Amino acid sequence: MPTLRARTAETLLAVARPYLAVHLGVLGLKIRRAPFPRDAVVATVPGPAAARLLVVGDLAASGYGVLLHGMAFPTQLAGAWSSRTGRGCSWQTIADPLMTVRRAAHHPDLRRSAEGVDAVVVALGVPDVLQLTSGDDVEGSVVRLVARVRAAAGRDVPVLLAGVPPMTKFQGLPPAASRLIGSQMRRVDDALRRVAEQHDGVDFVAFPPWSVDGTLRRAFSFRAMHRGWALGVAARLELPLTGPGPEPTPGVVPQAEQVAKEAVVAPGATGASLTLAA
């Protein structure tokens, strides 16, 4: 029989669901109006012992809010990782700004895209926060996603689960809304952590600490979010090598650093304020 606490939680979620549905609808409108990369994708950083990555994600993996692929999370991730390791890197993405964990786990291209990759990075969760997806449903879908990519790439392929960005810090929200969204963010992150704890070779990395006050919020940009998140994930991405590892070389490191820094110098960069929900 459900406890009073459980019944109270269910009631609060039932009341909150229409409220967050409005936020999800507003996010959909913002996505249709937001800038996305317009240039051709160059999904390779040349170098020795090149690794092949698959990035599965929603907003950041789609390049939401930036005009060039070099500013977006997948390219920033590859550049930062190559700069750190001295290895080359190529990558492909399965991305949609509104993709839930469940949709990603059942994506028709997931298995094909995972064939031959050396690691998978999963950056999902924002739509699931706004849809109030239960922790059990998130956990079950991520387990399925991991099983599908490993069926194609190999049972030991590393999978890195990236935590949800701190949506409540990037804009002013009423205290009740901030607490509600923050609670759901923790629920999604906890589900990701459980999957990592239960599966060898699956790791969780939280979004890096980010302090955004009123002044910084006005100056904050999507390219900064993509860059910061990519650096945090790249620092945790460990890929096995068969044979001795390469030393960082004069050719690899500058190219990787250029990829990672492109957001700072790219023409037409957008400095729009980061707003994930109205």
C-alpha atoms as a PDB file:
ATOM      1  CA  MET A   1       0.000   0.000   0.000  1.00  0.00           C
ATOM      2  CA  PRO A   2       1.493   3.406  -0.950  1.00  0.00           C
ATOM      3  CA  THR A   3       2.768   5.476   1.946  1.00  0.00           C
ATOM      4  CA  LEU A   4       1.590   9.017   2.644  1.00  0.00           C
ATOM      5  CA  ARG A   5       4.927  10.322   1.388  1.00  0.00           C
ATOM      6  CA  ALA A   6       4.609   8.362  -1.858  1.00  0.00           C
ATOM      7  CA  ARG A   7       1.034   9.561  -2.403  1.00  0.00           C
ATOM      8  CA  THR A   8       2.094  13.146  -1.722  1.00  0.00           C
ATOM      9  CA  ALA A   9       4.940  12.862  -4.222  1.00  0.00           C
ATOM     10  CA  GLU A  10       2.595  11.438  -6.849  1.00  0.00           C
ATOM     11  CA  THR A  11       0.144  14.295  -6.273  1.00  0.00           C
ATOM     12  CA  LEU A  12       2.875  16.918  -6.598  1.00  0.00           C
ATOM     13  CA  LEU A  13       4.130  15.344  -9.811  1.00  0.00           C
ATOM     14  CA  ALA A  14       0.615  15.267 -11.236  1.00  0.00           C
ATOM     15  CA  VAL A  15       0.239  18.979 -10.489  1.00  0.00           C
ATOM     16  CA  ALA A  16       3.698  19.797 -11.852  1.00  0.00           C
ATOM     17  CA  ARG A  17       3.394  17.886 -15.109  1.00  0.00           C
ATOM     18  CA  PRO A  18       1.228  20.481 -16.940  1.00  0.00           C
ATOM     19  CA  TYR A  19       3.544  23.257 -15.717  1.00  0.00           C
ATOM     20  CA  LEU A  20       6.647  21.551 -17.113  1.00  0.00           C
ATOM     21  CA  ALA A  21       4.755  20.655 -20.283  1.00  0.00           C
ATOM     22  CA  VAL A  22       4.493  24.406 -20.894  1.00  0.00           C
ATOM     23  CA  HIS A  23       8.261  24.719 -20.454  1.00  0.00           C
ATOM     24  CA  LEU A  24       8.795  21.867 -22.895  1.00  0.00           C
ATOM     25  CA  GLY A  25       6.524  23.560 -25.420  1.00  0.00           C
ATOM     26  CA  VAL A  26       8.390  26.839 -25.025  1.00  0.00           C
ATOM     27  CA  LEU A  27      11.673  24.974 -25.475  1.00  0.00           C
ATOM     28  CA  GLY A  28      10.324  23.522 -28.717  1.00  0.00           C
ATOM     29  CA  LEU A  29       9.529  27.028 -29.961  1.00  0.00           C
ATOM     30  CA  LYS A  30      12.982  28.261 -28.983  1.00  0.00           C
ATOM     31  CA  ILE A  31      14.591  25.341 -30.789  1.00  0.00           C
ATOM     32  CA  ARG A  32      12.774  26.194 -34.012  1.00  0.00           C
ATOM     33  CA  ARG A  33      14.094  29.750 -33.755  1.00  0.00           C
ATOM     34  CA  ALA A  34      17.549  29.017 -32.359  1.00  0.00           C
ATOM     35  CA  PRO A  35      20.767  28.984 -34.375  1.00  0.00           C
ATOM     36  CA  PHE A  36      22.325  25.658 -35.267  1.00  0.00           C
ATOM     37  CA  PRO A  37      25.606  24.948 -37.088  1.00  0.00           C
ATOM     38  CA  ARG A  38      25.389  25.924 -40.746  1.00  0.00           C
ATOM     39  CA  ASP A  39      28.842  24.901 -41.956  1.00  0.00           C
ATOM     40  CA  ALA A  40      29.949  21.525 -43.273  1.00  0.00           C
ATOM     41  CA  VAL A  41      30.890  18.944 -40.667  1.00  0.00           C
ATOM     42  CA  VAL A  42      34.574  18.043 -40.458  1.00  0.00           C
ATOM     43  CA  ALA A  43      34.390  15.185 -37.990  1.00  0.00           C
ATOM     44  CA  THR A  44      38.078  14.301 -37.801  1.00  0.00           C
ATOM     45  CA  VAL A  45      41.146  15.419 -35.894  1.00  0.00           C
ATOM     46  CA  PRO A  46      44.122  13.762 -37.673  1.00  0.00           C
ATOM     47  CA  GLY A  47      46.658  11.935 -35.573  1.00  0.00           C
ATOM     48  CA  PRO A  48      48.118   8.547 -34.611  1.00  0.00           C
ATOM     49  CA  ALA A  49      46.101   5.743 -33.051  1.00  0.00           C
ATOM     50  CA  ALA A  50      42.906   7.578 -33.960  1.00  0.00           C
ATOM     51  CA  ALA A  51      39.845   6.781 -31.855  1.00  0.00           C
ATOM     52  CA  ARG A  52      36.296   6.589 -33.194  1.00  0.00           C
ATOM     53  CA  LEU A  53      33.578   8.105 -31.025  1.00  0.00           C
ATOM     54  CA  LEU A  54      29.802   7.990 -31.116  1.00  0.00           C
ATOM     55  CA  VAL A  55      28.009  10.877 -29.403  1.00  0.00           C
ATOM     56  CA  VAL A  56      24.311  10.374 -28.611  1.00  0.00           C
ATOM     57  CA  GLY A  57      22.548  13.423 -27.277  1.00  0.00           C
ATOM     58  CA  ASP A  58      19.934  16.139 -27.283  1.00  0.00           C
ATOM     59  CA  LEU A  59      20.620  19.887 -27.209  1.00  0.00           C
ATOM     60  CA  ALA A  60      24.403  20.039 -26.912  1.00  0.00           C
ATOM     61  CA  ALA A  61      25.028  17.152 -29.315  1.00  0.00           C
ATOM     62  CA  SER A  62      22.846  18.957 -31.866  1.00  0.00           C
ATOM     63  CA  GLY A  63      24.893  22.143 -31.637  1.00  0.00           C
ATOM     64  CA  TYR A  64      22.008  24.109 -30.161  1.00  0.00           C
ATOM     65  CA  GLY A  65      22.745  27.829 -29.973  1.00  0.00           C
ATOM     66  CA  VAL A  66      25.941  27.976 -32.058  1.00  0.00           C
ATOM     67  CA  LEU A  67      26.545  28.689 -35.732  1.00  0.00           C
ATOM     68  CA  LEU A  68      29.561  26.461 -36.397  1.00  0.00           C
ATOM     69  CA  HIS A  69      30.145  22.774 -35.724  1.00  0.00           C
ATOM     70  CA  GLY A  70      33.501  23.699 -34.224  1.00  0.00           C
ATOM     71  CA  MET A  71      31.666  25.379 -31.350  1.00  0.00           C
ATOM     72  CA  ALA A  72      29.424  22.415 -30.566  1.00  0.00           C
ATOM     73  CA  PHE A  73      29.886  19.766 -27.909  1.00  0.00           C
ATOM     74  CA  PRO A  74      30.944  16.836 -30.165  1.00  0.00           C
ATOM     75  CA  THR A  75      33.733  18.767 -31.907  1.00  0.00           C
ATOM     76  CA  GLN A  76      34.878  20.438 -28.704  1.00  0.00           C
ATOM     77  CA  LEU A  77      34.959  17.025 -27.016  1.00  0.00           C
ATOM     78  CA  ALA A  78      37.051  15.447 -29.764  1.00  0.00           C
ATOM     79  CA  GLY A  79      39.446  18.390 -29.873  1.00  0.00           C
ATOM     80  CA  ALA A  80      39.933  18.469 -26.105  1.00  0.00           C
ATOM     81  CA  TRP A  81      40.429  14.708 -25.911  1.00  0.00           C
ATOM     82  CA  SER A  82      42.934  14.668 -28.794  1.00  0.00           C
ATOM     83  CA  SER A  83      44.826  17.562 -27.250  1.00  0.00           C
ATOM     84  CA  ARG A  84      45.046  15.684 -23.940  1.00  0.00           C
ATOM     85  CA  THR A  85      46.090  12.319 -25.377  1.00  0.00           C
ATOM     86  CA  GLY A  86      48.011  13.169 -28.544  1.00  0.00           C
ATOM     87  CA  ARG A  87      45.778  10.765 -30.484  1.00  0.00           C
ATOM     88  CA  GLY A  88      43.648  11.460 -33.502  1.00  0.00           C
ATOM     89  CA  CYS A  89      39.890  11.255 -33.310  1.00  0.00           C
ATOM     90  CA  SER A  90      36.868  10.921 -35.558  1.00  0.00           C
ATOM     91  CA  TRP A  91      33.263  11.037 -34.465  1.00  0.00           C
ATOM     92  CA  GLN A  92      29.666  10.743 -35.520  1.00  0.00           C
ATOM     93  CA  THR A  93      26.503  11.805 -33.780  1.00  0.00           C
ATOM     94  CA  ILE A  94      22.939  10.695 -33.218  1.00  0.00           C
ATOM     95  CA  ALA A  95      21.305  13.885 -32.046  1.00  0.00           C
ATOM     96  CA  ASP A  96      17.989  15.655 -31.771  1.00  0.00           C
ATOM     97  CA  PRO A  97      17.345  18.646 -29.486  1.00  0.00           C
ATOM     98  CA  LEU A  98      14.175  17.058 -28.048  1.00  0.00           C
ATOM     99  CA  MET A  99      15.339  13.439 -27.980  1.00  0.00           C
ATOM    100  CA  THR A 100      14.465  11.599 -24.793  1.00  0.00           C
ATOM    101  CA  VAL A 101      16.491   8.732 -23.386  1.00  0.00           C
ATOM    102  CA  ARG A 102      13.784   6.306 -24.501  1.00  0.00           C
ATOM    103  CA  ARG A 103      13.836   7.580 -28.081  1.00  0.00           C
ATOM    104  CA  ALA A 104      17.616   7.322 -28.153  1.00  0.00           C
ATOM    105  CA  ALA A 105      17.532   3.747 -26.867  1.00  0.00           C
ATOM    106  CA  HIS A 106      15.156   2.758 -29.691  1.00  0.00           C
ATOM    107  CA  HIS A 107      16.752   4.905 -32.405  1.00  0.00           C
ATOM    108  CA  PRO A 108      16.813   2.980 -35.713  1.00  0.00           C
ATOM    109  CA  ASP A 109      20.376   4.125 -36.517  1.00  0.00           C
ATOM    110  CA  LEU A 110      21.881   3.401 -33.114  1.00  0.00           C
ATOM    111  CA  ARG A 111      23.250  -0.071 -33.797  1.00  0.00           C
ATOM    112  CA  ARG A 112      24.599   0.801 -37.244  1.00  0.00           C
ATOM    113  CA  SER A 113      26.272   3.958 -35.962  1.00  0.00           C
ATOM    114  CA  ALA A 114      27.888   2.077 -33.077  1.00  0.00           C
ATOM    115  CA  GLU A 115      29.618  -0.476 -35.301  1.00  0.00           C
ATOM    116  CA  GLY A 116      33.373  -0.169 -34.983  1.00  0.00           C
ATOM    117  CA  VAL A 117      33.432   2.708 -32.482  1.00  0.00           C
ATOM    118  CA  ASP A 118      35.945   2.801 -29.624  1.00  0.00           C
ATOM    119  CA  ALA A 119      33.725   4.654 -27.154  1.00  0.00           C
ATOM    120  CA  VAL A 120      30.212   6.047 -26.779  1.00  0.00           C
ATOM    121  CA  VAL A 121      29.354   9.323 -25.059  1.00  0.00           C
ATOM    122  CA  VAL A 122      25.710   9.799 -24.026  1.00  0.00           C
ATOM    123  CA  ALA A 123      24.581  13.388 -23.333  1.00  0.00           C
ATOM    124  CA  LEU A 124      20.836  13.183 -22.777  1.00  0.00           C
ATOM    125  CA  GLY A 125      18.341  14.239 -20.141  1.00  0.00           C
ATOM    126  CA  VAL A 126      16.997  17.776 -20.678  1.00  0.00           C
ATOM    127  CA  PRO A 127      13.723  16.653 -22.349  1.00  0.00           C
ATOM    128  CA  ASP A 128      13.356  13.927 -19.710  1.00  0.00           C
ATOM    129  CA  VAL A 129      13.620  16.543 -16.967  1.00  0.00           C
ATOM    130  CA  LEU A 130      10.805  18.565 -18.508  1.00  0.00           C
ATOM    131  CA  GLN A 131       8.696  15.470 -19.207  1.00  0.00           C
ATOM    132  CA  LEU A 132       9.157  14.248 -15.617  1.00  0.00           C
ATOM    133  CA  THR A 133      10.369  10.872 -16.843  1.00  0.00           C
ATOM    134  CA  SER A 134      10.650   8.560 -13.858  1.00  0.00           C
ATOM    135  CA  GLY A 135      14.054   7.439 -12.644  1.00  0.00           C
ATOM    136  CA  ASP A 136      13.153   3.809 -13.340  1.00  0.00           C
ATOM    137  CA  ASP A 137      12.205   4.623 -16.930  1.00  0.00           C
ATOM    138  CA  VAL A 138      15.438   6.573 -17.464  1.00  0.00           C
ATOM    139  CA  GLU A 139      17.464   3.733 -15.995  1.00  0.00           C
ATOM    140  CA  GLY A 140      15.720   1.085 -18.087  1.00  0.00           C
ATOM    141  CA  SER A 141      16.164   3.049 -21.311  1.00  0.00           C
ATOM    142  CA  VAL A 142      19.848   3.724 -20.657  1.00  0.00           C
ATOM    143  CA  VAL A 143      20.434   0.040 -19.937  1.00  0.00           C
ATOM    144  CA  ARG A 144      18.836  -0.767 -23.288  1.00  0.00           C
ATOM    145  CA  LEU A 145      20.927   1.879 -25.040  1.00  0.00           C
ATOM    146  CA  VAL A 146      24.128   0.473 -23.541  1.00  0.00           C
ATOM    147  CA  ALA A 147      23.165  -3.064 -24.552  1.00  0.00           C
ATOM    148  CA  ARG A 148      22.423  -2.019 -28.131  1.00  0.00           C
ATOM    149  CA  VAL A 149      25.654  -0.102 -28.681  1.00  0.00           C
ATOM    150  CA  ARG A 150      27.706  -2.874 -27.117  1.00  0.00           C
ATOM    151  CA  ALA A 151      25.996  -5.481 -29.284  1.00  0.00           C
ATOM    152  CA  ALA A 152      27.388  -3.583 -32.270  1.00  0.00           C
ATOM    153  CA  ALA A 153      30.687  -2.196 -30.973  1.00  0.00           C
ATOM    154  CA  GLY A 154      31.733  -4.963 -28.584  1.00  0.00           C
ATOM    155  CA  ARG A 155      30.699  -5.872 -25.065  1.00  0.00           C
ATOM    156  CA  ASP A 156      33.625  -4.004 -23.490  1.00  0.00           C
ATOM    157  CA  VAL A 157      33.316  -0.720 -25.382  1.00  0.00           C
ATOM    158  CA  PRO A 158      33.487   2.179 -22.879  1.00  0.00           C
ATOM    159  CA  VAL A 159      30.292   4.183 -22.404  1.00  0.00           C
ATOM    160  CA  LEU A 160      30.405   7.570 -20.693  1.00  0.00           C
ATOM    161  CA  LEU A 161      27.131   8.990 -19.378  1.00  0.00           C
ATOM    162  CA  ALA A 162      27.172  12.788 -19.094  1.00  0.00           C
ATOM    163  CA  GLY A 163      25.010  14.376 -16.417  1.00  0.00           C
ATOM    164  CA  VAL A 164      22.250  16.905 -17.034  1.00  0.00           C
ATOM    165  CA  PRO A 165      23.392  20.547 -17.296  1.00  0.00           C
ATOM    166  CA  PRO A 166      22.290  22.780 -14.403  1.00  0.00           C
ATOM    167  CA  MET A 167      19.182  24.124 -16.113  1.00  0.00           C
ATOM    168  CA  THR A 168      18.086  26.111 -13.066  1.00  0.00           C
ATOM    169  CA  LYS A 169      21.247  28.253 -13.062  1.00  0.00           C
ATOM    170  CA  PHE A 170      21.015  29.669 -16.564  1.00  0.00           C
ATOM    171  CA  GLN A 171      17.960  31.836 -16.082  1.00  0.00           C
ATOM    172  CA  GLY A 172      15.760  33.319 -13.439  1.00  0.00           C
ATOM    173  CA  LEU A 173      13.099  30.896 -12.243  1.00  0.00           C
ATOM    174  CA  PRO A 174      10.535  31.174  -9.456  1.00  0.00           C
ATOM    175  CA  PRO A 175      11.769  29.281  -6.372  1.00  0.00           C
ATOM    176  CA  ALA A 176       9.093  26.590  -6.691  1.00  0.00           C
ATOM    177  CA  ALA A 177       9.936  25.972 -10.362  1.00  0.00           C
ATOM    178  CA  SER A 178      13.652  25.902  -9.596  1.00  0.00           C
ATOM    179  CA  ARG A 179      13.146  23.317  -6.855  1.00  0.00           C
ATOM    180  CA  LEU A 180      10.928  21.173  -9.074  1.00  0.00           C
ATOM    181  CA  ILE A 181      13.308  21.183 -12.030  1.00  0.00           C
ATOM    182  CA  GLY A 182      16.298  20.687  -9.740  1.00  0.00           C
ATOM    183  CA  SER A 183      14.630  17.673  -8.143  1.00  0.00           C
ATOM    184  CA  GLN A 184      13.961  16.082 -11.527  1.00  0.00           C
ATOM    185  CA  MET A 185      17.529  16.794 -12.651  1.00  0.00           C
ATOM    186  CA  ARG A 186      18.817  14.903  -9.623  1.00  0.00           C
ATOM    187  CA  ARG A 187      16.403  12.062 -10.366  1.00  0.00           C
ATOM    188  CA  VAL A 188      17.769  11.704 -13.911  1.00  0.00           C
ATOM    189  CA  ASP A 189      21.398  11.964 -12.774  1.00  0.00           C
ATOM    190  CA  ASP A 190      20.803   9.359 -10.052  1.00  0.00           C
ATOM    191  CA  ALA A 191      19.404   6.967 -12.662  1.00  0.00           C
ATOM    192  CA  LEU A 192      22.502   7.480 -14.815  1.00  0.00           C
ATOM    193  CA  ARG A 193      24.739   6.845 -11.814  1.00  0.00           C
ATOM    194  CA  ARG A 194      22.936   3.591 -11.046  1.00  0.00           C
ATOM    195  CA  VAL A 195      23.524   2.332 -14.576  1.00  0.00           C
ATOM    196  CA  ALA A 196      27.216   3.216 -14.291  1.00  0.00           C
ATOM    197  CA  GLU A 197      27.492   1.418 -10.946  1.00  0.00           C
ATOM    198  CA  GLN A 198      25.881  -1.728 -12.318  1.00  0.00           C
ATOM    199  CA  HIS A 199      27.883  -2.085 -15.540  1.00  0.00           C
ATOM    200  CA  ASP A 200      31.641  -2.465 -15.962  1.00  0.00           C
ATOM    201  CA  GLY A 201      33.095   0.040 -18.369  1.00  0.00           C
ATOM    202  CA  VAL A 202      30.150   2.442 -18.000  1.00  0.00           C
ATOM    203  CA  ASP A 203      30.993   5.678 -16.185  1.00  0.00           C
ATOM    204  CA  PHE A 204      29.082   8.770 -15.137  1.00  0.00           C
ATOM    205  CA  VAL A 205      30.438  12.310 -15.275  1.00  0.00           C
ATOM    206  CA  ALA A 206      28.487  15.181 -13.744  1.00  0.00           C
ATOM    207  CA  PHE A 207      28.233  18.541 -15.449  1.00  0.00           C
ATOM    208  CA  PRO A 208      31.197  20.617 -14.231  1.00  0.00           C
ATOM    209  CA  PRO A 209      30.507  23.109 -11.437  1.00  0.00           C
ATOM    210  CA  TRP A 210      29.166  26.332 -12.854  1.00  0.00           C
ATOM    211  CA  SER A 211      28.455  29.521 -10.928  1.00  0.00           C
ATOM    212  CA  VAL A 212      26.169  31.868 -12.846  1.00  0.00           C
ATOM    213  CA  ASP A 213      25.024  35.047 -11.149  1.00  0.00           C
ATOM    214  CA  GLY A 214      22.857  37.732 -12.710  1.00  0.00           C
ATOM    215  CA  THR A 215      25.785  39.462 -14.443  1.00  0.00           C
ATOM    216  CA  LEU A 216      27.370  36.307 -15.773  1.00  0.00           C
ATOM    217  CA  ARG A 217      23.992  35.039 -16.949  1.00  0.00           C
ATOM    218  CA  ARG A 218      23.666  37.979 -19.332  1.00  0.00           C
ATOM    219  CA  ALA A 219      27.161  37.355 -20.724  1.00  0.00           C
ATOM    220  CA  PHE A 220      26.879  33.569 -20.771  1.00  0.00           C
ATOM    221  CA  SER A 221      26.877  31.933 -24.188  1.00  0.00           C
ATOM    222  CA  PHE A 222      26.087  28.556 -25.659  1.00  0.00           C
ATOM    223  CA  ARG A 223      29.626  28.164 -26.936  1.00  0.00           C
ATOM    224  CA  ALA A 224      30.862  28.493 -23.339  1.00  0.00           C
ATOM    225  CA  MET A 225      28.458  25.757 -22.248  1.00  0.00           C
ATOM    226  CA  HIS A 226      29.542  23.443 -25.068  1.00  0.00           C
ATOM    227  CA  ARG A 227      33.200  24.101 -24.303  1.00  0.00           C
ATOM    228  CA  GLY A 228      32.932  23.630 -20.546  1.00  0.00           C
ATOM    229  CA  TRP A 229      30.928  20.441 -20.841  1.00  0.00           C
ATOM    230  CA  ALA A 230      33.299  19.002 -23.462  1.00  0.00           C
ATOM    231  CA  LEU A 231      36.344  19.658 -21.287  1.00  0.00           C
ATOM    232  CA  GLY A 232      34.714  17.911 -18.328  1.00  0.00           C
ATOM    233  CA  VAL A 233      33.771  14.857 -20.377  1.00  0.00           C
ATOM    234  CA  ALA A 234      37.107  14.675 -22.242  1.00  0.00           C
ATOM    235  CA  ALA A 235      38.961  14.569 -18.930  1.00  0.00           C
ATOM    236  CA  ARG A 236      37.073  11.372 -18.004  1.00  0.00           C
ATOM    237  CA  LEU A 237      37.184   9.660 -21.400  1.00  0.00           C
ATOM    238  CA  GLU A 238      39.742   6.852 -21.194  1.00  0.00           C
ATOM    239  CA  LEU A 239      40.138   4.633 -24.254  1.00  0.00           C
ATOM    240  CA  PRO A 240      42.316   1.508 -24.345  1.00  0.00           C
ATOM    241  CA  LEU A 241      45.249   1.286 -26.727  1.00  0.00           C
ATOM    242  CA  THR A 242      46.591  -1.845 -28.351  1.00  0.00           C
ATOM    243  CA  GLY A 243      50.347  -1.322 -28.184  1.00  0.00           C
ATOM    244  CA  PRO A 244      52.337   1.651 -26.900  1.00  0.00           C
ATOM    245  CA  GLY A 245      50.559   4.971 -26.798  1.00  0.00           C
ATOM    246  CA  PRO A 246      51.674   7.940 -28.863  1.00  0.00           C
ATOM    247  CA  GLU A 247      53.331  11.009 -27.454  1.00  0.00           C
ATOM    248  CA  PRO A 248      51.636  14.326 -28.225  1.00  0.00           C
ATOM    249  CA  THR A 249      53.215  15.471 -31.481  1.00  0.00           C
ATOM    250  CA  PRO A 250      53.669  18.921 -33.040  1.00  0.00           C
ATOM    251  CA  GLY A 251      51.058  17.992 -35.645  1.00  0.00           C
ATOM    252  CA  VAL A 252      48.304  16.619 -33.456  1.00  0.00           C
ATOM    253  CA  VAL A 253      48.233  18.991 -30.518  1.00  0.00           C
ATOM    254  CA  PRO A 254      47.930  22.287 -32.463  1.00  0.00           C
ATOM    255  CA  GLN A 255      45.198  20.845 -34.673  1.00  0.00           C
ATOM    256  CA  ALA A 256      43.292  19.538 -31.684  1.00  0.00           C
ATOM    257  CA  GLU A 257      43.714  22.800 -29.815  1.00  0.00           C
ATOM    258  CA  GLN A 258      42.506  24.709 -32.862  1.00  0.00           C
ATOM    259  CA  VAL A 259      39.381  22.562 -33.002  1.00  0.00           C
ATOM    260  CA  ALA A 260      38.781  23.075 -29.294  1.00  0.00           C
ATOM    261  CA  LYS A 261      39.345  26.843 -29.453  1.00  0.00           C
ATOM    262  CA  GLU A 262      37.400  27.503 -32.630  1.00  0.00           C
ATOM    263  CA  ALA A 263      34.421  28.758 -30.674  1.00  0.00           C
ATOM    264  CA  VAL A 264      36.456  31.661 -29.330  1.00  0.00           C
ATOM    265  CA  VAL A 265      37.692  32.974 -32.660  1.00  0.00           C
ATOM    266  CA  ALA A 266      35.063  31.781 -35.114  1.00  0.00           C
ATOM    267  CA  PRO A 267      33.417  34.492 -37.201  1.00  0.00           C
ATOM    268  CA  GLY A 268      29.692  34.893 -36.673  1.00  0.00           C
ATOM    269  CA  ALA A 269      29.820  33.418 -33.183  1.00  0.00           C
ATOM    270  CA  THR A 270      26.646  33.877 -31.241  1.00  0.00           C
ATOM    271  CA  GLY A 271      26.733  35.140 -27.693  1.00  0.00           C
ATOM    272  CA  ALA A 272      23.048  34.590 -27.006  1.00  0.00           C
ATOM    273  CA  SER A 273      22.140  34.001 -23.393  1.00  0.00           C
ATOM    274  CA  LEU A 274      21.681  30.367 -22.447  1.00  0.00           C
ATOM    275  CA  THR A 275      18.012  29.647 -21.831  1.00  0.00           C
ATOM    276  CA  LEU A 276      16.896  26.034 -21.746  1.00  0.00           C
ATOM    277  CA  ALA A 277      13.324  26.703 -20.727  1.00  0.00           C
ATOM    278  CA  ALA A 278      11.258  29.848 -20.497  1.00  0.00           C
END
